[in-house]
Amino acid sequence: MSRVNVKYLGHSAIALEYDGTTVLIDPFLTGNPKAAASADDITADTILLTHGHADHIGDTVPIATRTGATVAAIVELAGELAGDLPDGHDVRDPNLGGTLEFDWGWARWVPAWHTSTTPKGTINTPAGIVVNIGGKSIYHLGDTALFSDLALPGRRDELDLALVPIGGHYTMDRFDAVVAAELLGAPQIVPVHYNT
């Protein structure tokens, strides 16, 4: 089995690479003071979004337009993005609890405690995303506060990695993240959404 490479691109942007496939999560690069890459240099087969704040939608439209990447986001956000992308672009619209199948694996949208309105004013439900790629389950918590249901995704799927926000202003802080890590039960935790 090939290895899944996880690249932290700054803020909450993540690239998952497996067997020639790249899955981007929340590709906020342009205007991101900690961006590890330029949006023009990023390739993607699929882009997954946790919610519609500008620092998570980020460069979704230009990257997807350039690469042809499938875009998947909560239904209201997906509807807005479908209007911003070329006609016929593959945009998928799950809701909380929804699972999408892809050639590379699957992704399931789960609850997150946060708010979300796009820069254009579309109200949408924030989520976390459990991604299974290369036989590994990776849970991106999105922007969330600490809440007890963070324990539930790991009960269904054994988690290999969790990406946990620690910023402490718009998300939980590092102290709440320690409690979240205990609830998650993942053997590896990577902090995101901080110092930006």
N, C-alpha and C. Protein backbone atom coordinates (compact mmCIF):
# COMPACT_ATOMS: atom_id res chain seq x y z
N MET A 1 0.84 -1.18 0.00
CA MET A 1 0.00 0.00 0.00
C MET A 1 0.89 1.25 0.00
N SER A 2 0.56 2.19 -0.84
CA SER A 2 1.28 3.45 -0.88
C SER A 2 0.99 4.25 0.38
N ARG A 3 1.87 5.18 0.67
CA ARG A 3 1.72 6.03 1.84
C ARG A 3 0.86 7.25 1.51
N VAL A 4 0.05 7.69 2.48
CA VAL A 4 -0.70 8.94 2.34
C VAL A 4 0.19 10.06 2.86
N ASN A 5 0.46 11.05 2.02
CA ASN A 5 1.22 12.21 2.44
C ASN A 5 0.24 13.31 2.83
N VAL A 6 0.46 13.88 4.00
CA VAL A 6 -0.37 14.98 4.49
C VAL A 6 0.50 16.22 4.51
N LYS A 7 0.10 17.23 3.74
CA LYS A 7 0.86 18.48 3.69
C LYS A 7 0.03 19.60 4.31
N TYR A 8 0.60 20.24 5.31
CA TYR A 8 -0.03 21.40 5.93
C TYR A 8 0.37 22.62 5.12
N LEU A 9 -0.62 23.30 4.55
CA LEU A 9 -0.36 24.44 3.67
C LEU A 9 -0.57 25.78 4.37
N GLY A 10 -0.80 25.76 5.68
CA GLY A 10 -1.01 26.99 6.44
C GLY A 10 -2.48 27.20 6.75
N HIS A 11 -2.75 27.81 7.91
CA HIS A 11 -4.10 28.07 8.40
C HIS A 11 -4.82 26.73 8.56
N SER A 12 -5.85 26.46 7.78
CA SER A 12 -6.52 25.15 7.83
C SER A 12 -6.41 24.40 6.51
N ALA A 13 -5.59 24.88 5.62
CA ALA A 13 -5.44 24.27 4.29
C ALA A 13 -4.55 23.02 4.39
N ILE A 14 -5.06 21.94 3.83
CA ILE A 14 -4.38 20.65 3.87
C ILE A 14 -4.40 20.03 2.48
N ALA A 15 -3.31 19.39 2.09
CA ALA A 15 -3.28 18.57 0.88
C ALA A 15 -3.01 17.13 1.29
N LEU A 16 -3.88 16.23 0.85
CA LEU A 16 -3.70 14.79 1.06
C LEU A 16 -3.31 14.19 -0.27
N GLU A 17 -2.18 13.51 -0.30
CA GLU A 17 -1.68 12.94 -1.55
C GLU A 17 -1.54 11.43 -1.40
N TYR A 18 -2.12 10.72 -2.38
CA TYR A 18 -2.06 9.27 -2.36
C TYR A 18 -2.11 8.73 -3.78
N ASP A 19 -1.11 7.95 -4.15
CA ASP A 19 -1.12 7.22 -5.41
C ASP A 19 -1.45 8.13 -6.60
N GLY A 20 -0.83 9.31 -6.62
CA GLY A 20 -1.02 10.24 -7.75
C GLY A 20 -2.25 11.11 -7.67
N THR A 21 -3.00 11.03 -6.58
CA THR A 21 -4.21 11.82 -6.39
C THR A 21 -3.97 12.85 -5.30
N THR A 22 -4.47 14.07 -5.51
CA THR A 22 -4.37 15.13 -4.50
C THR A 22 -5.76 15.60 -4.12
N VAL A 23 -6.04 15.54 -2.82
CA VAL A 23 -7.29 16.05 -2.26
C VAL A 23 -6.94 17.26 -1.41
N LEU A 24 -7.52 18.41 -1.73
CA LEU A 24 -7.32 19.63 -0.96
C LEU A 24 -8.48 19.85 -0.02
N ILE A 25 -8.20 20.30 1.18
CA ILE A 25 -9.23 20.70 2.12
C ILE A 25 -9.00 22.16 2.48
N ASP A 26 -10.06 22.98 2.31
CA ASP A 26 -10.04 24.40 2.69
C ASP A 26 -8.82 25.15 2.15
N PRO A 27 -8.70 25.24 0.82
CA PRO A 27 -7.47 25.80 0.22
C PRO A 27 -7.37 27.33 0.24
N PHE A 28 -7.24 27.89 1.43
CA PHE A 28 -7.01 29.33 1.60
C PHE A 28 -5.50 29.57 1.52
N LEU A 29 -5.05 30.08 0.36
CA LEU A 29 -3.62 30.32 0.14
C LEU A 29 -3.35 31.79 -0.16
N THR A 30 -4.08 32.37 -1.11
CA THR A 30 -3.91 33.78 -1.45
C THR A 30 -4.38 34.63 -0.27
N GLY A 31 -3.48 35.47 0.25
CA GLY A 31 -3.81 36.29 1.41
C GLY A 31 -3.57 35.59 2.73
N ASN A 32 -3.11 34.36 2.69
CA ASN A 32 -2.79 33.60 3.90
C ASN A 32 -1.33 33.88 4.26
N PRO A 33 -1.09 34.55 5.39
CA PRO A 33 0.29 34.91 5.74
C PRO A 33 1.20 33.71 6.00
N LYS A 34 0.63 32.55 6.23
CA LYS A 34 1.41 31.34 6.50
C LYS A 34 1.36 30.34 5.36
N ALA A 35 0.87 30.76 4.19
CA ALA A 35 0.71 29.82 3.08
C ALA A 35 2.05 29.20 2.69
N ALA A 36 2.06 27.89 2.56
CA ALA A 36 3.27 27.15 2.19
C ALA A 36 3.40 26.97 0.69
N ALA A 37 2.41 27.47 -0.08
CA ALA A 37 2.42 27.34 -1.53
C ALA A 37 1.53 28.41 -2.13
N SER A 38 1.74 28.66 -3.40
CA SER A 38 0.89 29.58 -4.14
C SER A 38 -0.27 28.80 -4.75
N ALA A 39 -1.42 29.44 -4.81
CA ALA A 39 -2.59 28.78 -5.43
C ALA A 39 -2.30 28.39 -6.87
N ASP A 40 -1.44 29.14 -7.55
CA ASP A 40 -1.11 28.85 -8.95
C ASP A 40 -0.25 27.59 -9.09
N ASP A 41 0.39 27.17 -8.00
CA ASP A 41 1.28 26.01 -8.06
C ASP A 41 0.63 24.73 -7.54
N ILE A 42 -0.58 24.84 -7.02
CA ILE A 42 -1.26 23.70 -6.41
C ILE A 42 -2.03 22.92 -7.47
N THR A 43 -1.91 21.59 -7.40
CA THR A 43 -2.75 20.74 -8.23
C THR A 43 -3.79 20.09 -7.33
N ALA A 44 -4.90 19.67 -7.91
CA ALA A 44 -5.95 19.03 -7.12
C ALA A 44 -6.82 18.17 -8.03
N ASP A 45 -7.23 17.04 -7.49
CA ASP A 45 -8.25 16.21 -8.15
C ASP A 45 -9.61 16.44 -7.50
N THR A 46 -9.59 16.73 -6.20
CA THR A 46 -10.81 16.98 -5.44
C THR A 46 -10.53 18.07 -4.42
N ILE A 47 -11.51 18.95 -4.22
CA ILE A 47 -11.43 19.99 -3.18
C ILE A 47 -12.63 19.79 -2.26
N LEU A 48 -12.35 19.64 -0.97
CA LEU A 48 -13.37 19.47 0.05
C LEU A 48 -13.39 20.70 0.95
N LEU A 49 -14.59 21.18 1.28
CA LEU A 49 -14.70 22.38 2.11
C LEU A 49 -15.47 22.09 3.38
N THR A 50 -14.95 22.60 4.51
CA THR A 50 -15.64 22.44 5.77
C THR A 50 -16.76 23.45 5.95
N HIS A 51 -16.57 24.68 5.43
CA HIS A 51 -17.60 25.70 5.54
C HIS A 51 -17.24 26.88 4.64
N GLY A 52 -18.11 27.91 4.68
CA GLY A 52 -18.01 28.96 3.68
C GLY A 52 -17.33 30.25 4.07
N HIS A 53 -16.65 30.31 5.21
CA HIS A 53 -15.91 31.53 5.52
C HIS A 53 -14.78 31.72 4.50
N ALA A 54 -14.43 32.97 4.25
CA ALA A 54 -13.44 33.30 3.22
C ALA A 54 -12.11 32.60 3.44
N ASP A 55 -11.73 32.40 4.72
CA ASP A 55 -10.44 31.77 5.01
C ASP A 55 -10.50 30.25 4.89
N HIS A 56 -11.58 29.74 4.33
CA HIS A 56 -11.71 28.30 4.06
C HIS A 56 -12.06 28.04 2.60
N ILE A 57 -12.99 28.85 2.05
CA ILE A 57 -13.24 28.77 0.60
C ILE A 57 -11.97 29.12 -0.14
N GLY A 58 -11.34 30.21 0.30
CA GLY A 58 -10.04 30.62 -0.24
C GLY A 58 -9.99 30.59 -1.76
N ASP A 59 -9.08 29.77 -2.27
CA ASP A 59 -8.81 29.70 -3.72
C ASP A 59 -9.54 28.56 -4.41
N THR A 60 -10.63 28.11 -3.84
CA THR A 60 -11.36 26.97 -4.41
C THR A 60 -11.72 27.20 -5.87
N VAL A 61 -12.33 28.33 -6.18
CA VAL A 61 -12.82 28.56 -7.55
C VAL A 61 -11.67 28.62 -8.55
N PRO A 62 -10.61 29.42 -8.32
CA PRO A 62 -9.55 29.42 -9.32
C PRO A 62 -8.82 28.08 -9.44
N ILE A 63 -8.60 27.39 -8.34
CA ILE A 63 -7.91 26.10 -8.43
C ILE A 63 -8.77 25.09 -9.17
N ALA A 64 -10.06 25.01 -8.81
CA ALA A 64 -10.95 24.06 -9.47
C ALA A 64 -11.13 24.38 -10.95
N THR A 65 -11.21 25.65 -11.28
CA THR A 65 -11.36 26.05 -12.68
C THR A 65 -10.13 25.65 -13.48
N ARG A 66 -8.95 25.88 -12.91
CA ARG A 66 -7.70 25.56 -13.61
C ARG A 66 -7.45 24.07 -13.72
N THR A 67 -7.76 23.31 -12.66
CA THR A 67 -7.40 21.89 -12.63
C THR A 67 -8.54 20.96 -13.01
N GLY A 68 -9.78 21.46 -12.98
CA GLY A 68 -10.94 20.60 -13.22
C GLY A 68 -11.32 19.77 -12.01
N ALA A 69 -10.78 20.10 -10.83
CA ALA A 69 -11.03 19.33 -9.62
C ALA A 69 -12.52 19.31 -9.26
N THR A 70 -13.00 18.16 -8.84
CA THR A 70 -14.34 18.05 -8.26
C THR A 70 -14.35 18.87 -6.97
N VAL A 71 -15.45 19.58 -6.72
CA VAL A 71 -15.61 20.37 -5.50
C VAL A 71 -16.77 19.78 -4.71
N ALA A 72 -16.58 19.60 -3.41
CA ALA A 72 -17.64 19.09 -2.54
C ALA A 72 -17.73 19.94 -1.29
N ALA A 73 -18.96 20.36 -0.98
CA ALA A 73 -19.22 21.21 0.18
C ALA A 73 -20.67 21.04 0.59
N ILE A 74 -20.98 21.43 1.82
CA ILE A 74 -22.36 21.40 2.31
C ILE A 74 -23.27 22.06 1.28
N VAL A 75 -24.49 21.57 1.18
CA VAL A 75 -25.40 21.85 0.06
C VAL A 75 -25.54 23.33 -0.29
N GLU A 76 -25.75 24.20 0.68
CA GLU A 76 -25.94 25.62 0.35
C GLU A 76 -24.67 26.23 -0.22
N LEU A 77 -23.54 25.88 0.36
CA LEU A 77 -22.26 26.37 -0.14
C LEU A 77 -21.97 25.81 -1.53
N ALA A 78 -22.26 24.54 -1.73
CA ALA A 78 -22.05 23.93 -3.05
C ALA A 78 -22.89 24.63 -4.11
N GLY A 79 -24.11 25.02 -3.75
CA GLY A 79 -24.97 25.74 -4.70
C GLY A 79 -24.36 27.06 -5.13
N GLU A 80 -23.79 27.80 -4.18
CA GLU A 80 -23.13 29.06 -4.54
C GLU A 80 -21.92 28.81 -5.43
N LEU A 81 -21.10 27.83 -5.06
CA LEU A 81 -19.89 27.55 -5.82
C LEU A 81 -20.19 27.05 -7.23
N ALA A 82 -21.27 26.29 -7.39
CA ALA A 82 -21.66 25.81 -8.72
C ALA A 82 -21.93 26.98 -9.65
N GLY A 83 -22.45 28.07 -9.10
CA GLY A 83 -22.69 29.26 -9.90
C GLY A 83 -21.43 30.03 -10.24
N ASP A 84 -20.37 29.82 -9.46
CA ASP A 84 -19.10 30.52 -9.68
C ASP A 84 -18.15 29.74 -10.59
N LEU A 85 -18.42 28.46 -10.77
CA LEU A 85 -17.54 27.60 -11.59
C LEU A 85 -18.13 27.45 -12.99
N PRO A 86 -17.31 27.03 -13.96
CA PRO A 86 -17.83 26.86 -15.32
C PRO A 86 -19.00 25.89 -15.37
N ASP A 87 -19.91 26.10 -16.31
CA ASP A 87 -21.07 25.21 -16.47
C ASP A 87 -20.60 23.77 -16.61
N GLY A 88 -21.29 22.87 -15.94
CA GLY A 88 -20.97 21.46 -16.04
C GLY A 88 -19.87 20.99 -15.09
N HIS A 89 -19.29 21.91 -14.33
CA HIS A 89 -18.23 21.52 -13.40
C HIS A 89 -18.81 20.57 -12.35
N ASP A 90 -18.05 19.57 -11.95
CA ASP A 90 -18.52 18.59 -10.98
C ASP A 90 -18.48 19.18 -9.58
N VAL A 91 -19.66 19.57 -9.08
CA VAL A 91 -19.82 20.11 -7.73
C VAL A 91 -20.79 19.20 -7.00
N ARG A 92 -20.38 18.69 -5.85
CA ARG A 92 -21.22 17.76 -5.09
C ARG A 92 -21.68 18.42 -3.79
N ASP A 93 -22.88 18.07 -3.35
CA ASP A 93 -23.56 18.85 -2.32
C ASP A 93 -24.12 18.00 -1.17
N PRO A 94 -23.27 17.37 -0.37
CA PRO A 94 -23.78 16.61 0.76
C PRO A 94 -24.33 17.53 1.85
N ASN A 95 -25.01 16.92 2.81
CA ASN A 95 -25.38 17.62 4.03
C ASN A 95 -24.75 16.87 5.19
N LEU A 96 -24.95 17.33 6.41
CA LEU A 96 -24.37 16.67 7.56
C LEU A 96 -24.78 15.19 7.58
N GLY A 97 -23.82 14.33 7.80
CA GLY A 97 -24.06 12.90 7.78
C GLY A 97 -23.90 12.28 6.41
N GLY A 98 -23.82 13.11 5.38
CA GLY A 98 -23.69 12.62 4.01
C GLY A 98 -22.28 12.13 3.72
N THR A 99 -22.21 11.04 2.96
CA THR A 99 -20.93 10.46 2.54
C THR A 99 -20.88 10.46 1.03
N LEU A 100 -19.77 10.91 0.49
CA LEU A 100 -19.55 10.89 -0.96
C LEU A 100 -18.46 9.89 -1.29
N GLU A 101 -18.68 9.12 -2.34
CA GLU A 101 -17.69 8.17 -2.83
C GLU A 101 -16.89 8.81 -3.96
N PHE A 102 -15.59 8.56 -3.97
CA PHE A 102 -14.70 9.06 -5.02
C PHE A 102 -13.84 7.91 -5.49
N ASP A 103 -13.14 8.09 -6.60
CA ASP A 103 -12.22 7.06 -7.09
C ASP A 103 -11.15 6.76 -6.04
N TRP A 104 -10.77 7.74 -5.25
CA TRP A 104 -9.69 7.61 -4.28
C TRP A 104 -10.15 7.16 -2.89
N GLY A 105 -11.47 7.12 -2.64
CA GLY A 105 -11.97 6.76 -1.31
C GLY A 105 -13.31 7.41 -1.05
N TRP A 106 -13.50 7.97 0.15
CA TRP A 106 -14.75 8.62 0.49
C TRP A 106 -14.52 9.77 1.49
N ALA A 107 -15.56 10.61 1.61
CA ALA A 107 -15.54 11.71 2.57
C ALA A 107 -16.93 11.84 3.17
N ARG A 108 -16.98 12.07 4.49
CA ARG A 108 -18.25 12.21 5.20
C ARG A 108 -18.23 13.52 5.99
N TRP A 109 -19.31 14.28 5.87
CA TRP A 109 -19.44 15.57 6.56
C TRP A 109 -20.13 15.34 7.90
N VAL A 110 -19.51 15.83 8.97
CA VAL A 110 -20.01 15.64 10.33
C VAL A 110 -20.13 17.00 11.02
N PRO A 111 -20.89 17.08 12.11
CA PRO A 111 -21.13 18.37 12.75
C PRO A 111 -19.86 19.05 13.28
N ALA A 112 -19.90 20.37 13.23
CA ALA A 112 -18.92 21.24 13.89
C ALA A 112 -19.71 22.39 14.51
N TRP A 113 -19.29 22.85 15.67
CA TRP A 113 -19.96 23.99 16.30
C TRP A 113 -19.21 25.27 15.91
N HIS A 114 -19.85 26.04 15.05
CA HIS A 114 -19.23 27.24 14.50
C HIS A 114 -20.35 28.02 13.81
N THR A 115 -20.01 29.06 13.08
CA THR A 115 -20.95 29.78 12.23
C THR A 115 -20.40 29.76 10.82
N SER A 116 -21.23 30.15 9.84
CA SER A 116 -20.69 30.23 8.49
C SER A 116 -21.62 30.99 7.56
N THR A 117 -21.10 32.07 7.03
CA THR A 117 -21.74 32.83 5.96
C THR A 117 -20.64 33.18 4.97
N THR A 118 -20.89 32.95 3.68
CA THR A 118 -19.87 33.23 2.68
C THR A 118 -19.71 34.74 2.50
N PRO A 119 -18.63 35.17 1.86
CA PRO A 119 -18.49 36.59 1.56
C PRO A 119 -19.65 37.15 0.72
N LYS A 120 -20.33 36.29 -0.04
CA LYS A 120 -21.48 36.72 -0.84
C LYS A 120 -22.78 36.70 -0.05
N GLY A 121 -22.73 36.21 1.20
CA GLY A 121 -23.91 36.23 2.05
C GLY A 121 -24.69 34.93 2.14
N THR A 122 -24.19 33.84 1.56
CA THR A 122 -24.88 32.56 1.65
C THR A 122 -24.63 31.94 3.02
N ILE A 123 -25.70 31.73 3.76
CA ILE A 123 -25.59 31.07 5.06
C ILE A 123 -25.48 29.58 4.82
N ASN A 124 -24.54 28.94 5.51
CA ASN A 124 -24.33 27.50 5.33
C ASN A 124 -23.90 26.89 6.64
N THR A 125 -24.08 25.59 6.75
CA THR A 125 -23.80 24.88 7.99
C THR A 125 -22.34 24.46 8.02
N PRO A 126 -21.60 24.82 9.06
CA PRO A 126 -20.21 24.38 9.18
C PRO A 126 -20.14 22.89 9.48
N ALA A 127 -19.04 22.28 9.10
CA ALA A 127 -18.88 20.83 9.27
C ALA A 127 -17.42 20.49 9.51
N GLY A 128 -17.21 19.29 9.99
CA GLY A 128 -15.92 18.63 9.93
C GLY A 128 -16.03 17.61 8.81
N ILE A 129 -14.90 17.09 8.37
CA ILE A 129 -14.92 16.09 7.30
C ILE A 129 -14.02 14.93 7.69
N VAL A 130 -14.59 13.72 7.65
CA VAL A 130 -13.79 12.51 7.81
C VAL A 130 -13.48 12.01 6.41
N VAL A 131 -12.20 11.92 6.11
CA VAL A 131 -11.74 11.53 4.77
C VAL A 131 -11.06 10.17 4.87
N ASN A 132 -11.46 9.25 4.02
CA ASN A 132 -10.76 7.96 3.95
C ASN A 132 -10.07 7.88 2.60
N ILE A 133 -8.75 7.90 2.64
CA ILE A 133 -7.94 7.87 1.43
C ILE A 133 -6.76 6.93 1.69
N GLY A 134 -6.50 6.05 0.75
CA GLY A 134 -5.41 5.09 0.92
C GLY A 134 -5.60 4.20 2.13
N GLY A 135 -6.85 3.96 2.52
CA GLY A 135 -7.13 3.12 3.67
C GLY A 135 -6.91 3.81 5.01
N LYS A 136 -6.61 5.10 5.00
CA LYS A 136 -6.40 5.88 6.23
C LYS A 136 -7.58 6.81 6.45
N SER A 137 -8.01 6.93 7.70
CA SER A 137 -9.11 7.84 8.05
C SER A 137 -8.55 9.08 8.73
N ILE A 138 -8.80 10.22 8.10
CA ILE A 138 -8.28 11.50 8.55
C ILE A 138 -9.47 12.42 8.81
N TYR A 139 -9.53 12.98 10.01
CA TYR A 139 -10.65 13.82 10.43
C TYR A 139 -10.18 15.26 10.51
N HIS A 140 -10.68 16.10 9.59
CA HIS A 140 -10.44 17.54 9.63
C HIS A 140 -11.63 18.14 10.38
N LEU A 141 -11.39 18.71 11.56
CA LEU A 141 -12.49 19.19 12.39
C LEU A 141 -13.10 20.49 11.90
N GLY A 142 -12.51 21.11 10.86
CA GLY A 142 -13.00 22.41 10.44
C GLY A 142 -12.75 23.41 11.55
N ASP A 143 -13.58 24.43 11.59
CA ASP A 143 -13.50 25.42 12.68
C ASP A 143 -14.56 25.00 13.68
N THR A 144 -14.18 24.56 14.83
CA THR A 144 -15.17 24.14 15.80
C THR A 144 -14.78 24.53 17.20
N ALA A 145 -15.79 24.67 18.03
CA ALA A 145 -15.61 24.75 19.47
C ALA A 145 -15.54 23.32 19.98
N LEU A 146 -15.13 23.18 21.21
CA LEU A 146 -15.14 21.88 21.87
C LEU A 146 -16.59 21.45 22.14
N PHE A 147 -16.95 20.24 21.75
CA PHE A 147 -18.25 19.68 22.12
C PHE A 147 -18.13 18.16 22.12
N SER A 148 -18.96 17.52 22.89
CA SER A 148 -18.77 16.09 23.17
C SER A 148 -18.92 15.19 21.94
N ASP A 149 -19.69 15.62 20.93
CA ASP A 149 -19.89 14.78 19.75
C ASP A 149 -18.63 14.59 18.91
N LEU A 150 -17.56 15.29 19.24
CA LEU A 150 -16.30 15.05 18.54
C LEU A 150 -15.83 13.60 18.74
N ALA A 151 -16.36 12.94 19.75
CA ALA A 151 -16.00 11.54 20.01
C ALA A 151 -16.66 10.58 19.02
N LEU A 152 -17.73 10.99 18.35
CA LEU A 152 -18.53 10.05 17.57
C LEU A 152 -17.87 9.57 16.27
N PRO A 153 -17.23 10.41 15.46
CA PRO A 153 -16.65 9.88 14.22
C PRO A 153 -15.66 8.74 14.45
N GLY A 154 -14.90 8.80 15.55
CA GLY A 154 -13.95 7.74 15.85
C GLY A 154 -14.59 6.45 16.31
N ARG A 155 -15.86 6.50 16.67
CA ARG A 155 -16.57 5.27 17.02
C ARG A 155 -16.96 4.49 15.77
N ARG A 156 -17.22 5.20 14.69
CA ARG A 156 -17.60 4.53 13.44
C ARG A 156 -16.37 4.06 12.68
N ASP A 157 -15.39 4.94 12.56
CA ASP A 157 -14.18 4.66 11.79
C ASP A 157 -12.97 4.89 12.68
N GLU A 158 -12.09 3.94 12.76
CA GLU A 158 -10.87 4.13 13.53
C GLU A 158 -10.05 5.23 12.87
N LEU A 159 -9.81 6.29 13.60
CA LEU A 159 -9.11 7.45 13.04
C LEU A 159 -7.60 7.23 13.09
N ASP A 160 -6.92 7.62 12.02
CA ASP A 160 -5.46 7.57 11.97
C ASP A 160 -4.85 8.93 12.29
N LEU A 161 -5.58 10.00 12.00
CA LEU A 161 -5.06 11.36 12.17
C LEU A 161 -6.24 12.30 12.36
N ALA A 162 -6.08 13.31 13.23
CA ALA A 162 -7.07 14.37 13.36
C ALA A 162 -6.37 15.72 13.24
N LEU A 163 -6.99 16.61 12.50
CA LEU A 163 -6.50 17.98 12.28
C LEU A 163 -7.40 18.90 13.11
N VAL A 164 -6.83 19.47 14.18
CA VAL A 164 -7.62 20.13 15.21
C VAL A 164 -7.29 21.62 15.28
N PRO A 165 -8.30 22.51 15.18
CA PRO A 165 -8.04 23.94 15.30
C PRO A 165 -7.68 24.31 16.73
N ILE A 166 -6.73 25.24 16.89
CA ILE A 166 -6.30 25.64 18.24
C ILE A 166 -6.23 27.15 18.42
N GLY A 167 -6.76 27.92 17.48
CA GLY A 167 -6.56 29.37 17.48
C GLY A 167 -7.07 30.11 18.70
N GLY A 168 -8.20 29.69 19.27
CA GLY A 168 -8.67 30.29 20.50
C GLY A 168 -9.46 31.57 20.37
N HIS A 169 -9.70 32.06 19.17
CA HIS A 169 -10.55 33.24 18.99
C HIS A 169 -11.79 32.88 18.18
N TYR A 170 -11.58 32.29 17.02
CA TYR A 170 -12.68 31.85 16.17
C TYR A 170 -12.95 30.35 16.33
N THR A 171 -12.08 29.66 17.01
CA THR A 171 -12.21 28.21 17.22
C THR A 171 -11.85 27.91 18.67
N MET A 172 -11.85 26.62 19.02
CA MET A 172 -11.36 26.23 20.34
C MET A 172 -9.89 26.67 20.49
N ASP A 173 -9.44 26.76 21.74
CA ASP A 173 -8.04 27.08 21.99
C ASP A 173 -7.25 25.80 22.23
N ARG A 174 -5.98 25.94 22.53
CA ARG A 174 -5.12 24.76 22.69
C ARG A 174 -5.50 23.93 23.91
N PHE A 175 -6.08 24.56 24.92
CA PHE A 175 -6.48 23.83 26.11
C PHE A 175 -7.71 22.96 25.82
N ASP A 176 -8.69 23.55 25.13
CA ASP A 176 -9.85 22.76 24.71
C ASP A 176 -9.42 21.69 23.71
N ALA A 177 -8.41 21.98 22.90
CA ALA A 177 -7.95 21.00 21.91
C ALA A 177 -7.38 19.75 22.58
N VAL A 178 -6.79 19.92 23.77
CA VAL A 178 -6.30 18.74 24.51
C VAL A 178 -7.47 17.84 24.89
N VAL A 179 -8.57 18.44 25.35
CA VAL A 179 -9.77 17.66 25.68
C VAL A 179 -10.34 17.04 24.41
N ALA A 180 -10.36 17.81 23.31
CA ALA A 180 -10.85 17.27 22.04
C ALA A 180 -10.03 16.07 21.61
N ALA A 181 -8.72 16.15 21.77
CA ALA A 181 -7.85 15.03 21.40
C ALA A 181 -8.20 13.78 22.18
N GLU A 182 -8.53 13.95 23.46
CA GLU A 182 -8.95 12.81 24.27
C GLU A 182 -10.24 12.21 23.75
N LEU A 183 -11.18 13.06 23.34
CA LEU A 183 -12.45 12.57 22.79
C LEU A 183 -12.24 11.87 21.45
N LEU A 184 -11.37 12.41 20.62
CA LEU A 184 -11.15 11.89 19.28
C LEU A 184 -10.53 10.50 19.29
N GLY A 185 -9.55 10.29 20.15
CA GLY A 185 -8.89 9.00 20.23
C GLY A 185 -7.98 8.68 19.07
N ALA A 186 -7.64 9.67 18.25
CA ALA A 186 -6.72 9.44 17.13
C ALA A 186 -5.29 9.34 17.65
N PRO A 187 -4.47 8.45 17.08
CA PRO A 187 -3.09 8.32 17.56
C PRO A 187 -2.20 9.52 17.19
N GLN A 188 -2.63 10.29 16.19
CA GLN A 188 -1.86 11.47 15.79
C GLN A 188 -2.80 12.66 15.68
N ILE A 189 -2.36 13.80 16.26
CA ILE A 189 -3.12 15.04 16.21
C ILE A 189 -2.21 16.12 15.64
N VAL A 190 -2.72 16.87 14.67
CA VAL A 190 -1.97 17.99 14.10
C VAL A 190 -2.78 19.27 14.34
N PRO A 191 -2.19 20.28 14.99
CA PRO A 191 -2.91 21.53 15.20
C PRO A 191 -2.97 22.35 13.93
N VAL A 192 -4.11 23.01 13.71
CA VAL A 192 -4.30 23.91 12.57
C VAL A 192 -5.02 25.16 13.05
N HIS A 193 -5.17 26.12 12.14
CA HIS A 193 -5.94 27.35 12.38
C HIS A 193 -5.37 28.13 13.56
N TYR A 194 -4.10 28.55 13.42
CA TYR A 194 -3.47 29.34 14.48
C TYR A 194 -2.41 30.26 13.85
N ASN A 195 -2.08 31.33 14.57
CA ASN A 195 -1.06 32.32 14.15
C ASN A 195 -1.37 32.99 12.82
N THR A 196 -2.63 32.99 12.43
CA THR A 196 -3.02 33.74 11.23
C THR A 196 -4.13 34.70 11.56
